[in-house]
Every structure is written in structure tokens, then in C-alpha cells.
């Protein structure tokens, strides 16, 4: 998965985002997160990664609220909660995704 990045280079430069079940949003703007997060979650489902950790940081909580608003509306999300000790606490959200159905794989 790639995401356009116009902060450190030409506007067409992209950043490769590994689909490994952990998405660190520290380097992304909120406007980018709105499209990036749903795309990332769908890519995880396609790879069979149903437990995803989204790192949004602790800060003022604006990014956390945005992430959780996106998750609440996503039909592919089974559940989500703030991470506990050792997993980022309130600086990360743990997401459980619905598996793809056979119809989704076509």
C-alpha cells in the first residue's frame, strides 16, 4: 500500500506502508488519515490480518478521536478499544476486523 506524500519531496512521491497489522499515524495529517485508515484496514482483511494496532499518539487526543470516529462507521470493524499496558495505552487503538466472507473475495 502506498500513500502520497507531498511534505518532503515532489507531490507525486509516495510512501510505502507495510501491511503488517500496525499502522503508525504520527507522520500523517488528519486529512490523510480519513482515506488511509479505511484503505489500510481493508488491505489487512485481504491479507487475513484481523487484529490491527493503530498508533495515533497520546497528545491532545484529536487524532485518537478521528480514528475512533472512522472505526465506528466502518462496516469491516468488529470492535475496537484503547490499547492496554505494553501496547501503547491510550496512544494506540486495538482493532478487531470482521473476516472477509467468500462473497467479499470475488
Protein backbone atom coordinates (compact mmCIF):
# COMPACT_ATOMS: atom_id res chain seq x y z
CA UNK A 1 0.00 0.00 0.00
CA UNK A 2 1.28 3.44 -0.83
CA UNK A 3 0.23 6.89 0.31
CA UNK A 4 1.03 10.15 -1.46
CA UNK A 5 3.45 12.32 0.48
CA UNK A 6 3.96 15.92 -0.57
CA UNK A 7 5.71 17.16 2.56
CA UNK A 8 9.30 16.15 1.88
CA UNK A 9 9.52 15.99 -1.88
CA UNK A 10 7.67 16.22 -5.14
CA UNK A 11 3.87 15.98 -4.94
CA UNK A 12 3.85 12.59 -6.69
CA UNK A 13 6.20 10.95 -4.20
CA UNK A 14 4.63 8.04 -2.34
CA UNK A 15 5.43 6.32 0.92
CA UNK A 16 5.26 2.53 1.08
CA UNK A 17 3.13 1.41 4.01
CA UNK A 18 3.68 -2.21 5.05
CA UNK A 19 0.50 -4.21 5.64
CA UNK A 20 1.65 -5.88 8.85
CA UNK A 21 -1.16 -5.19 11.31
CA UNK A 22 0.31 -1.99 12.76
CA UNK A 23 -0.30 1.47 11.36
CA UNK A 24 1.61 4.39 12.87
CA UNK A 25 -0.19 7.64 12.06
CA UNK A 26 2.36 10.03 13.59
CA UNK A 27 3.58 11.27 10.20
CA UNK A 28 0.15 11.71 8.60
CA UNK A 29 -2.17 14.70 8.62
CA UNK A 30 -5.79 14.20 9.71
CA UNK A 31 -7.00 14.77 6.14
CA UNK A 32 -4.80 11.86 5.01
CA UNK A 33 -5.98 9.60 7.83
CA UNK A 34 -9.59 9.82 6.63
CA UNK A 35 -8.77 7.84 3.49
CA UNK A 36 -5.66 6.00 4.67
CA UNK A 37 -7.19 4.20 7.65
CA UNK A 38 -10.13 2.56 5.82
CA UNK A 39 -7.84 1.51 2.96
CA UNK A 40 -5.30 0.07 5.39
CA UNK A 41 -7.95 -1.89 7.30
CA UNK A 42 -9.31 -3.36 4.08
CA UNK A 43 -5.78 -4.34 2.99
CA UNK A 44 -5.28 -6.07 6.36
CA UNK A 45 -8.53 -8.01 5.90
CA UNK A 46 -7.41 -9.11 2.44
CA UNK A 47 -4.20 -10.49 3.98
CA UNK A 48 -6.11 -12.20 6.79
CA UNK A 49 -4.79 -9.81 9.46
CA UNK A 50 -7.83 -9.32 11.68
CA UNK A 51 -6.14 -7.79 14.74
CA UNK A 52 -4.71 -4.35 13.96
CA UNK A 53 -2.94 -1.81 16.14
CA UNK A 54 -3.39 1.83 15.12
CA UNK A 55 -0.86 4.17 16.75
CA UNK A 56 -2.23 7.71 16.96
CA UNK A 57 -0.19 9.06 19.86
CA UNK A 58 -1.31 10.47 23.18
CA UNK A 59 -1.15 14.24 22.56
CA UNK A 60 -4.39 16.21 22.81
CA UNK A 61 -6.48 13.28 21.62
CA UNK A 62 -7.63 14.84 18.35
CA UNK A 63 -6.17 12.09 16.17
CA UNK A 64 -7.47 9.41 18.56
CA UNK A 65 -10.99 10.84 18.28
CA UNK A 66 -10.72 10.96 14.49
CA UNK A 67 -9.50 7.35 14.35
CA UNK A 68 -12.30 6.16 16.60
CA UNK A 69 -14.93 8.08 14.60
CA UNK A 70 -13.71 6.36 11.43
CA UNK A 71 -13.73 2.96 13.16
CA UNK A 72 -17.28 3.47 14.46
CA UNK A 73 -18.54 3.98 10.90
CA UNK A 74 -16.55 1.19 9.27
CA UNK A 75 -18.54 -1.95 8.42
CA UNK A 76 -15.34 -4.04 8.42
CA UNK A 77 -14.66 -3.29 12.12
CA UNK A 78 -15.95 -5.85 14.60
CA UNK A 79 -14.71 -3.98 17.68
CA UNK A 80 -12.03 -1.61 18.93
CA UNK A 81 -10.59 -0.41 22.24
CA UNK A 82 -7.71 1.60 23.58
CA UNK A 83 -4.54 -0.45 23.94
CA UNK A 84 -3.54 -1.58 27.40
CA UNK A 85 -0.22 -1.59 29.22
CA UNK A 86 2.62 -2.66 26.96
CA UNK A 87 0.64 -1.98 23.78
CA UNK A 88 0.60 1.82 23.80
CA UNK A 89 -2.12 2.52 26.37
CA UNK A 90 -4.23 5.49 25.23
CA UNK A 91 -1.73 6.29 22.46
CA UNK A 92 -2.94 3.36 20.36
CA UNK A 93 -6.20 1.68 19.47
CA UNK A 94 -6.57 -2.07 19.01
CA UNK A 95 -8.99 -3.04 16.26
CA UNK A 96 -10.65 -6.38 15.56
CA UNK A 97 -11.82 -6.75 11.96
CA UNK A 98 -14.53 -8.93 10.51
CA UNK A 99 -13.05 -11.64 8.28
CA UNK A 100 -13.77 -11.43 4.59
CA UNK A 101 -16.73 -13.53 3.56
CA UNK A 102 -16.44 -15.78 0.49
CA UNK A 103 -18.56 -13.21 -1.38
CA UNK A 104 -16.08 -10.44 -0.50
CA UNK A 105 -13.19 -12.37 -2.05
CA UNK A 106 -14.65 -12.35 -5.57
